[in-house]
């Protein structure tokens, strides 16, 4: 089996009830399209203004690191981790093979 294709889909980020009323910035660090490390802020939250944020199914490829750049949290992130296991089989185009498939 080849390496599985993995995707992390993020849905929402929100502050915990005990978070201080100041700005809390969350960033994600991972590999960019050019295979270099990239850091991207994904949310800036403040309990009195914006305590949660919908990330709309933001898709990233693991491995990634989430970091609370400012603020003290707590911060909760919801999402799903998808693992696609696929097999690559080499089939010939012979009529014998095609008849077995029919």
C-alpha atoms as a PDB file:
ATOM      1  CA  UNK A   1       0.000   0.000   0.000  1.00  0.00           C
ATOM      2  CA  UNK A   2       1.232   3.477  -0.833  1.00  0.00           C
ATOM      3  CA  UNK A   3       1.219   6.294   1.696  1.00  0.00           C
ATOM      4  CA  UNK A   4      -2.338   7.317   2.518  1.00  0.00           C
ATOM      5  CA  UNK A   5      -3.556  10.759   1.503  1.00  0.00           C
ATOM      6  CA  UNK A   6      -4.428  12.754   4.632  1.00  0.00           C
ATOM      7  CA  UNK A   7      -6.378  15.977   4.950  1.00  0.00           C
ATOM      8  CA  UNK A   8      -7.292  18.035   7.989  1.00  0.00           C
ATOM      9  CA  UNK A   9     -10.547  19.968   7.580  1.00  0.00           C
ATOM     10  CA  UNK A  10     -11.085  22.780  10.100  1.00  0.00           C
ATOM     11  CA  UNK A  11     -14.610  23.908  10.945  1.00  0.00           C
ATOM     12  CA  UNK A  12     -14.522  26.296  13.888  1.00  0.00           C
ATOM     13  CA  UNK A  13     -12.232  27.961  16.405  1.00  0.00           C
ATOM     14  CA  UNK A  14     -13.601  29.394  19.651  1.00  0.00           C
ATOM     15  CA  UNK A  15     -12.439  30.748  22.979  1.00  0.00           C
ATOM     16  CA  UNK A  16     -13.151  29.005  26.252  1.00  0.00           C
ATOM     17  CA  UNK A  17     -15.471  30.703  28.748  1.00  0.00           C
ATOM     18  CA  UNK A  18     -12.566  31.614  31.030  1.00  0.00           C
ATOM     19  CA  UNK A  19     -10.551  33.429  28.316  1.00  0.00           C
ATOM     20  CA  UNK A  20      -9.434  36.954  29.225  1.00  0.00           C
ATOM     21  CA  UNK A  21     -11.008  39.847  27.330  1.00  0.00           C
ATOM     22  CA  UNK A  22      -8.010  40.527  25.117  1.00  0.00           C
ATOM     23  CA  UNK A  23      -6.968  39.454  21.622  1.00  0.00           C
ATOM     24  CA  UNK A  24      -6.053  35.800  21.095  1.00  0.00           C
ATOM     25  CA  UNK A  25      -4.333  35.002  17.784  1.00  0.00           C
ATOM     26  CA  UNK A  26      -4.062  31.428  16.490  1.00  0.00           C
ATOM     27  CA  UNK A  27      -1.688  30.477  13.689  1.00  0.00           C
ATOM     28  CA  UNK A  28      -1.015  27.257  11.849  1.00  0.00           C
ATOM     29  CA  UNK A  29       2.422  26.235  10.617  1.00  0.00           C
ATOM     30  CA  UNK A  30       2.978  23.664   7.906  1.00  0.00           C
ATOM     31  CA  UNK A  31       4.593  23.073   4.546  1.00  0.00           C
ATOM     32  CA  UNK A  32       3.675  25.445   1.733  1.00  0.00           C
ATOM     33  CA  UNK A  33       3.300  24.568  -1.925  1.00  0.00           C
ATOM     34  CA  UNK A  34       7.045  25.108  -2.381  1.00  0.00           C
ATOM     35  CA  UNK A  35       7.930  22.669   0.467  1.00  0.00           C
ATOM     36  CA  UNK A  36       9.037  25.548   2.708  1.00  0.00           C
ATOM     37  CA  UNK A  37       7.660  26.092   6.208  1.00  0.00           C
ATOM     38  CA  UNK A  38       4.791  28.607   6.224  1.00  0.00           C
ATOM     39  CA  UNK A  39       3.047  30.285   9.172  1.00  0.00           C
ATOM     40  CA  UNK A  40      -0.471  31.597   8.602  1.00  0.00           C
ATOM     41  CA  UNK A  41      -2.784  33.271  11.131  1.00  0.00           C
ATOM     42  CA  UNK A  42      -6.181  31.545  11.008  1.00  0.00           C
ATOM     43  CA  UNK A  43      -8.090  33.507  13.673  1.00  0.00           C
ATOM     44  CA  UNK A  44      -7.932  36.539  15.928  1.00  0.00           C
ATOM     45  CA  UNK A  45     -10.565  36.305  18.642  1.00  0.00           C
ATOM     46  CA  UNK A  46     -11.683  38.497  21.537  1.00  0.00           C
ATOM     47  CA  UNK A  47     -14.456  37.343  23.908  1.00  0.00           C
ATOM     48  CA  UNK A  48     -16.356  40.652  23.922  1.00  0.00           C
ATOM     49  CA  UNK A  49     -16.192  41.102  20.142  1.00  0.00           C
ATOM     50  CA  UNK A  50     -15.687  37.784  18.321  1.00  0.00           C
ATOM     51  CA  UNK A  51     -15.558  34.765  20.685  1.00  0.00           C
ATOM     52  CA  UNK A  52     -15.758  32.202  17.858  1.00  0.00           C
ATOM     53  CA  UNK A  53     -15.163  32.000  14.150  1.00  0.00           C
ATOM     54  CA  UNK A  54     -16.364  29.658  11.414  1.00  0.00           C
ATOM     55  CA  UNK A  55     -13.457  28.394   9.312  1.00  0.00           C
ATOM     56  CA  UNK A  56     -15.750  27.036   6.599  1.00  0.00           C
ATOM     57  CA  UNK A  57     -14.054  23.686   6.038  1.00  0.00           C
ATOM     58  CA  UNK A  58     -10.538  25.108   5.619  1.00  0.00           C
ATOM     59  CA  UNK A  59      -8.431  22.188   4.307  1.00  0.00           C
ATOM     60  CA  UNK A  60      -4.773  21.655   5.139  1.00  0.00           C
ATOM     61  CA  UNK A  61      -2.395  18.736   4.724  1.00  0.00           C
ATOM     62  CA  UNK A  62      -0.728  17.372   7.876  1.00  0.00           C
ATOM     63  CA  UNK A  63       1.666  17.552   9.563  1.00  0.00           C
ATOM     64  CA  UNK A  64       0.844  20.996  10.957  1.00  0.00           C
ATOM     65  CA  UNK A  65       1.375  22.827  14.240  1.00  0.00           C
ATOM     66  CA  UNK A  66      -1.211  25.089  15.831  1.00  0.00           C
ATOM     67  CA  UNK A  67       0.185  27.909  17.937  1.00  0.00           C
ATOM     68  CA  UNK A  68      -1.421  30.508  20.193  1.00  0.00           C
ATOM     69  CA  UNK A  69       0.670  33.547  19.226  1.00  0.00           C
ATOM     70  CA  UNK A  70      -1.002  36.064  21.522  1.00  0.00           C
ATOM     71  CA  UNK A  71      -3.395  35.748  24.426  1.00  0.00           C
ATOM     72  CA  UNK A  72      -3.569  32.961  26.974  1.00  0.00           C
ATOM     73  CA  UNK A  73      -6.584  30.941  25.792  1.00  0.00           C
ATOM     74  CA  UNK A  74      -8.044  28.489  26.197  1.00  0.00           C
ATOM     75  CA  UNK A  75      -8.807  28.068  22.497  1.00  0.00           C
ATOM     76  CA  UNK A  76     -10.741  25.142  21.020  1.00  0.00           C
ATOM     77  CA  UNK A  77     -10.447  24.073  17.374  1.00  0.00           C
ATOM     78  CA  UNK A  78     -12.902  21.656  15.771  1.00  0.00           C
ATOM     79  CA  UNK A  79     -12.348  19.718  12.586  1.00  0.00           C
ATOM     80  CA  UNK A  80     -11.993  16.303  11.001  1.00  0.00           C
ATOM     81  CA  UNK A  81      -8.973  14.292   9.952  1.00  0.00           C
ATOM     82  CA  UNK A  82      -9.551  12.331   6.747  1.00  0.00           C
ATOM     83  CA  UNK A  83      -7.330   9.431   5.727  1.00  0.00           C
ATOM     84  CA  UNK A  84      -7.849   8.034   2.242  1.00  0.00           C
ATOM     85  CA  UNK A  85      -6.422   4.560   1.813  1.00  0.00           C
ATOM     86  CA  UNK A  86      -6.204   3.626  -1.822  1.00  0.00           C
ATOM     87  CA  UNK A  87      -4.566   0.840  -3.716  1.00  0.00           C
ATOM     88  CA  UNK A  88      -3.002   1.130  -7.125  1.00  0.00           C
ATOM     89  CA  UNK A  89      -3.381  -2.032  -9.158  1.00  0.00           C
ATOM     90  CA  UNK A  90      -1.900  -2.619 -12.555  1.00  0.00           C
ATOM     91  CA  UNK A  91      -4.418  -4.280 -14.849  1.00  0.00           C
ATOM     92  CA  UNK A  92      -3.732  -5.286 -18.374  1.00  0.00           C
ATOM     93  CA  UNK A  93      -6.294  -4.631 -21.084  1.00  0.00           C
ATOM     94  CA  UNK A  94      -6.600  -8.227 -22.222  1.00  0.00           C
ATOM     95  CA  UNK A  95     -10.010  -9.550 -23.156  1.00  0.00           C
ATOM     96  CA  UNK A  96      -9.646 -12.255 -20.494  1.00  0.00           C
ATOM     97  CA  UNK A  97      -9.316  -9.613 -17.795  1.00  0.00           C
ATOM     98  CA  UNK A  98     -12.171  -7.527 -19.194  1.00  0.00           C
ATOM     99  CA  UNK A  99     -14.484 -10.522 -19.296  1.00  0.00           C
ATOM    100  CA  UNK A 100     -13.784 -11.211 -15.609  1.00  0.00           C
ATOM    101  CA  UNK A 101     -14.878  -7.660 -14.777  1.00  0.00           C
ATOM    102  CA  UNK A 102     -18.139  -7.865 -16.720  1.00  0.00           C
END
